[in-house]
């Protein structure tokens, strides 16, 4: 079994309204050194395969087709040690 951690986030030139609201809230809560926040999504995916190359291909396909909107989001992923 292989476990992958995927992070999806808005591309840098896309306005992140959620991140702005979070930044304002944490500053108001007493953390004035916070300059900005970018929000994102995190996924932990377990694969039944032990073929790392196969899993890597599948992760890229999942990101493009289901986990992210490639027009406005980018992603990165890592294989977690098991």
C-alpha atoms as a PDB file:
ATOM      1  CA  UNK A   1       0.000   0.000   0.000  1.00  0.00           C
ATOM      2  CA  UNK A   2       1.192   3.503  -0.860  1.00  0.00           C
ATOM      3  CA  UNK A   3      -0.096   6.667   0.826  1.00  0.00           C
ATOM      4  CA  UNK A   4       0.077  10.035  -0.908  1.00  0.00           C
ATOM      5  CA  UNK A   5      -0.477  13.507   0.545  1.00  0.00           C
ATOM      6  CA  UNK A   6      -1.819  16.016  -2.001  1.00  0.00           C
ATOM      7  CA  UNK A   7      -1.925  19.786  -1.440  1.00  0.00           C
ATOM      8  CA  UNK A   8      -4.109  21.875  -3.758  1.00  0.00           C
ATOM      9  CA  UNK A   9      -3.942  25.656  -3.716  1.00  0.00           C
ATOM     10  CA  UNK A  10      -4.977  28.605  -5.835  1.00  0.00           C
ATOM     11  CA  UNK A  11      -2.425  29.826  -8.336  1.00  0.00           C
ATOM     12  CA  UNK A  12      -0.558  32.949  -7.122  1.00  0.00           C
ATOM     13  CA  UNK A  13      -2.390  35.346  -9.463  1.00  0.00           C
ATOM     14  CA  UNK A  14      -5.860  34.160  -8.344  1.00  0.00           C
ATOM     15  CA  UNK A  15      -7.587  36.152  -5.598  1.00  0.00           C
ATOM     16  CA  UNK A  16      -7.914  34.066  -2.421  1.00  0.00           C
ATOM     17  CA  UNK A  17     -10.915  35.563  -0.627  1.00  0.00           C
ATOM     18  CA  UNK A  18     -10.974  32.788   1.979  1.00  0.00           C
ATOM     19  CA  UNK A  19      -7.319  33.355   2.795  1.00  0.00           C
ATOM     20  CA  UNK A  20      -7.910  37.101   3.148  1.00  0.00           C
ATOM     21  CA  UNK A  21     -10.781  36.551   5.602  1.00  0.00           C
ATOM     22  CA  UNK A  22      -8.664  34.128   7.640  1.00  0.00           C
ATOM     23  CA  UNK A  23      -5.756  36.602   7.714  1.00  0.00           C
ATOM     24  CA  UNK A  24      -8.037  39.387   8.941  1.00  0.00           C
ATOM     25  CA  UNK A  25      -9.477  37.095  11.623  1.00  0.00           C
ATOM     26  CA  UNK A  26      -6.113  35.977  12.978  1.00  0.00           C
ATOM     27  CA  UNK A  27      -4.809  39.544  13.081  1.00  0.00           C
ATOM     28  CA  UNK A  28      -7.969  40.588  14.952  1.00  0.00           C
ATOM     29  CA  UNK A  29      -7.441  37.642  17.333  1.00  0.00           C
ATOM     30  CA  UNK A  30      -4.100  39.035  18.428  1.00  0.00           C
ATOM     31  CA  UNK A  31      -1.593  37.833  15.850  1.00  0.00           C
ATOM     32  CA  UNK A  32      -0.546  41.115  14.200  1.00  0.00           C
ATOM     33  CA  UNK A  33       2.595  39.667  12.619  1.00  0.00           C
ATOM     34  CA  UNK A  34       0.518  37.586  10.157  1.00  0.00           C
ATOM     35  CA  UNK A  35       0.938  39.314   6.795  1.00  0.00           C
ATOM     36  CA  UNK A  36      -1.168  37.039   4.584  1.00  0.00           C
ATOM     37  CA  UNK A  37      -2.795  33.630   4.339  1.00  0.00           C
ATOM     38  CA  UNK A  38      -3.424  31.419   1.309  1.00  0.00           C
ATOM     39  CA  UNK A  39      -6.066  28.731   1.848  1.00  0.00           C
ATOM     40  CA  UNK A  40      -5.986  25.324   0.199  1.00  0.00           C
ATOM     41  CA  UNK A  41      -7.126  21.733   0.327  1.00  0.00           C
ATOM     42  CA  UNK A  42      -5.308  18.694   1.669  1.00  0.00           C
ATOM     43  CA  UNK A  43      -5.940  15.060   0.738  1.00  0.00           C
ATOM     44  CA  UNK A  44      -4.455  11.830   2.102  1.00  0.00           C
ATOM     45  CA  UNK A  45      -5.004   9.014  -0.389  1.00  0.00           C
ATOM     46  CA  UNK A  46      -4.209   5.341   0.175  1.00  0.00           C
ATOM     47  CA  UNK A  47      -3.557   3.191  -2.884  1.00  0.00           C
ATOM     48  CA  UNK A  48      -3.740  -0.602  -2.941  1.00  0.00           C
ATOM     49  CA  UNK A  49      -0.841  -0.680  -5.397  1.00  0.00           C
ATOM     50  CA  UNK A  50       2.812  -1.085  -4.456  1.00  0.00           C
ATOM     51  CA  UNK A  51       3.961   0.174  -7.875  1.00  0.00           C
ATOM     52  CA  UNK A  52       5.169   3.715  -7.182  1.00  0.00           C
ATOM     53  CA  UNK A  53       5.297   4.737 -10.865  1.00  0.00           C
ATOM     54  CA  UNK A  54       1.707   3.600 -11.361  1.00  0.00           C
ATOM     55  CA  UNK A  55       0.563   5.499  -8.264  1.00  0.00           C
ATOM     56  CA  UNK A  56       2.370   8.662  -9.400  1.00  0.00           C
ATOM     57  CA  UNK A  57       0.573   8.540 -12.758  1.00  0.00           C
ATOM     58  CA  UNK A  58      -2.751   7.993 -11.010  1.00  0.00           C
ATOM     59  CA  UNK A  59      -2.173  10.878  -8.576  1.00  0.00           C
ATOM     60  CA  UNK A  60      -1.460  13.293 -11.420  1.00  0.00           C
ATOM     61  CA  UNK A  61      -4.606  12.142 -13.204  1.00  0.00           C
ATOM     62  CA  UNK A  62      -6.683  12.495 -10.023  1.00  0.00           C
ATOM     63  CA  UNK A  63      -5.394  16.012  -9.473  1.00  0.00           C
ATOM     64  CA  UNK A  64      -6.142  17.110 -13.043  1.00  0.00           C
ATOM     65  CA  UNK A  65      -9.560  15.446 -13.257  1.00  0.00           C
ATOM     66  CA  UNK A  66     -11.046  15.447  -9.754  1.00  0.00           C
ATOM     67  CA  UNK A  67      -9.135  17.152  -6.950  1.00  0.00           C
ATOM     68  CA  UNK A  68      -8.246  20.489  -8.540  1.00  0.00           C
ATOM     69  CA  UNK A  69      -9.363  22.928 -11.192  1.00  0.00           C
ATOM     70  CA  UNK A  70      -6.236  23.228 -13.371  1.00  0.00           C
ATOM     71  CA  UNK A  71      -7.338  26.653 -14.647  1.00  0.00           C
ATOM     72  CA  UNK A  72      -7.052  28.308 -11.231  1.00  0.00           C
ATOM     73  CA  UNK A  73      -5.368  25.777  -8.941  1.00  0.00           C
ATOM     74  CA  UNK A  74      -2.025  24.056  -8.757  1.00  0.00           C
ATOM     75  CA  UNK A  75      -1.017  21.046  -6.701  1.00  0.00           C
ATOM     76  CA  UNK A  76       1.902  19.259  -5.200  1.00  0.00           C
ATOM     77  CA  UNK A  77       2.076  15.834  -3.676  1.00  0.00           C
ATOM     78  CA  UNK A  78       4.411  13.588  -1.768  1.00  0.00           C
ATOM     79  CA  UNK A  79       4.509   9.888  -1.129  1.00  0.00           C
ATOM     80  CA  UNK A  80       4.394   9.348   2.605  1.00  0.00           C
ATOM     81  CA  UNK A  81       6.634   6.780   4.247  1.00  0.00           C
ATOM     82  CA  UNK A  82       4.719   3.806   5.552  1.00  0.00           C
END
